Amino acid sequence: MKFCPNCGYPLEGKKICNCGYNVETNEVDEKVYEKYKENEKKLYELQCDNMINAPIDMITGARLMGLNPNVTDDELLKNVNRTIFNKENDHLTSSDFAEMMKLLNDKKEK
């Protein structure tokens, strides 16, 4: 088994994962798992880009993240919780990416 079925982390030959999963018994040590989840949450909170650790309203937060200054507060509030539609599919495989790079290189050579 290459990856932990509990958290997905590479096992690299370990019998017990950092999350508390035991490969031999297929059981999870709940105490270790709770500590693991706490640590992962702390790491996630440190990685949040454009996040401010102060209570601010949504409009101020949007403005701080580079919202177009021509957008009014009313327009911003109308768009809260609306679905964002991307123009391109975000689920690319490595072969898709390789093909895109090949096409890009072909364009550069012309």
Protein backbone atom coordinates (compact mmCIF):
# COMPACT_ATOMS: atom_id res chain seq x y z
CA MET A 1 0.00 0.00 0.00
CA LYS A 2 1.55 3.28 -1.13
CA PHE A 3 -0.93 5.76 0.33
CA CYS A 4 -2.86 5.91 3.58
CA PRO A 5 -6.54 5.10 2.95
CA ASN A 6 -7.50 7.38 5.84
CA CYS A 7 -5.74 10.63 4.89
CA GLY A 8 -4.14 9.93 1.49
CA TYR A 9 -0.59 10.71 2.64
CA PRO A 10 2.26 8.59 1.15
CA LEU A 11 3.15 5.81 3.58
CA GLU A 12 6.72 5.33 2.31
CA GLY A 13 7.02 1.94 4.00
CA LYS A 14 5.62 3.03 7.37
CA LYS A 15 3.30 0.65 9.24
CA ILE A 16 1.53 3.49 11.09
CA CYS A 17 0.65 6.73 9.31
CA ASN A 18 0.94 10.17 10.93
CA CYS A 19 -2.87 10.26 11.07
CA GLY A 20 -2.96 7.17 13.32
CA TYR A 21 -3.94 4.61 10.68
CA ASN A 22 -2.31 1.19 11.25
CA VAL A 23 -1.63 -0.61 7.97
CA GLU A 24 -1.46 -4.04 9.59
CA THR A 25 -4.70 -3.84 11.60
CA ASN A 26 -6.61 -1.41 9.33
CA GLU A 27 -7.60 0.58 12.43
CA VAL A 28 -7.20 4.25 13.32
CA ASP A 29 -5.98 5.44 16.72
CA GLU A 30 -8.64 8.08 17.44
CA LYS A 31 -6.43 10.13 19.81
CA VAL A 32 -3.65 10.36 17.24
CA TYR A 33 -6.20 11.13 14.50
CA GLU A 34 -7.74 14.01 16.48
CA LYS A 35 -4.27 15.52 17.04
CA TYR A 36 -3.49 15.02 13.34
CA LYS A 37 -6.69 16.87 12.31
CA GLU A 38 -5.84 19.72 14.70
CA ASN A 39 -2.36 20.07 13.19
CA GLU A 40 -3.71 19.94 9.61
CA LYS A 41 -6.24 22.67 10.45
CA LYS A 42 -3.47 24.88 11.85
CA LEU A 43 -1.38 24.34 8.70
CA TYR A 44 -4.36 25.18 6.50
CA GLU A 45 -5.02 28.39 8.40
CA LEU A 46 -1.41 29.46 7.90
CA GLN A 47 -1.68 28.90 4.14
CA CYS A 48 -4.82 30.93 3.45
CA ASP A 49 -3.75 33.54 0.90
CA ASN A 50 -5.50 36.90 0.89
CA MET A 51 -7.07 36.14 4.23
CA ILE A 52 -7.01 38.70 6.99
CA ASN A 53 -7.15 37.60 10.61
CA ALA A 54 -9.32 40.50 11.69
CA PRO A 55 -13.06 40.87 11.70
CA ILE A 56 -13.89 42.87 8.56
CA ASP A 57 -17.01 43.07 6.46
CA MET A 58 -17.28 41.36 3.08
CA ILE A 59 -17.10 44.57 1.05
CA THR A 60 -13.86 45.71 2.71
CA GLY A 61 -12.39 42.23 2.25
CA ALA A 62 -13.30 42.18 -1.44
CA ARG A 63 -11.75 45.60 -1.95
CA LEU A 64 -8.54 44.50 -0.19
CA MET A 65 -8.26 41.50 -2.54
CA GLY A 66 -8.21 43.70 -5.61
CA LEU A 67 -11.85 44.08 -6.62
CA ASN A 68 -12.32 46.43 -9.56
CA PRO A 69 -12.83 49.89 -8.00
CA ASN A 70 -15.55 50.67 -10.56
CA VAL A 71 -17.81 47.97 -9.05
CA THR A 72 -20.23 49.56 -6.61
CA ASP A 73 -21.04 48.12 -3.19
CA ASP A 74 -24.60 47.37 -4.36
CA GLU A 75 -23.31 45.41 -7.38
CA LEU A 76 -20.99 43.46 -5.13
CA LEU A 77 -23.78 42.57 -2.71
CA LYS A 78 -26.02 41.40 -5.58
CA ASN A 79 -23.36 38.85 -6.59
CA VAL A 80 -22.85 37.28 -3.17
CA ASN A 81 -23.20 33.48 -3.16
CA ARG A 82 -23.64 33.22 -6.92
CA THR A 83 -22.06 30.37 -8.83
CA ILE A 84 -18.76 31.12 -10.55
CA PHE A 85 -18.53 29.67 -14.05
CA ASN A 86 -15.06 29.05 -15.42
CA LYS A 87 -14.42 29.26 -19.13
CA GLU A 88 -12.20 26.19 -19.07
CA ASN A 89 -12.33 22.87 -17.29
CA ASP A 90 -10.15 22.81 -14.16
CA HIS A 91 -9.76 19.03 -14.27
CA LEU A 92 -6.82 18.57 -16.60
CA THR A 93 -4.83 15.37 -16.76
CA SER A 94 -1.08 15.38 -17.22
CA SER A 95 -1.50 14.20 -20.81
CA ASP A 96 -3.88 17.16 -21.46
CA PHE A 97 -1.28 19.52 -20.04
CA ALA A 98 1.50 17.94 -22.11
CA GLU A 99 -0.59 18.38 -25.27
CA MET A 100 -1.27 22.02 -24.39
CA MET A 101 2.47 22.64 -23.89
CA LYS A 102 3.24 20.96 -27.21
CA LEU A 103 0.73 23.20 -29.01
CA LEU A 104 2.21 26.26 -27.30
CA ASN A 105 5.73 25.31 -28.36
CA ASP A 106 4.56 24.67 -31.93
CA LYS A 107 3.05 28.18 -32.04
CA LYS A 108 6.29 29.72 -30.77
CA GLU A 109 8.36 27.94 -33.42
CA LYS A 110 6.22 29.32 -36.29
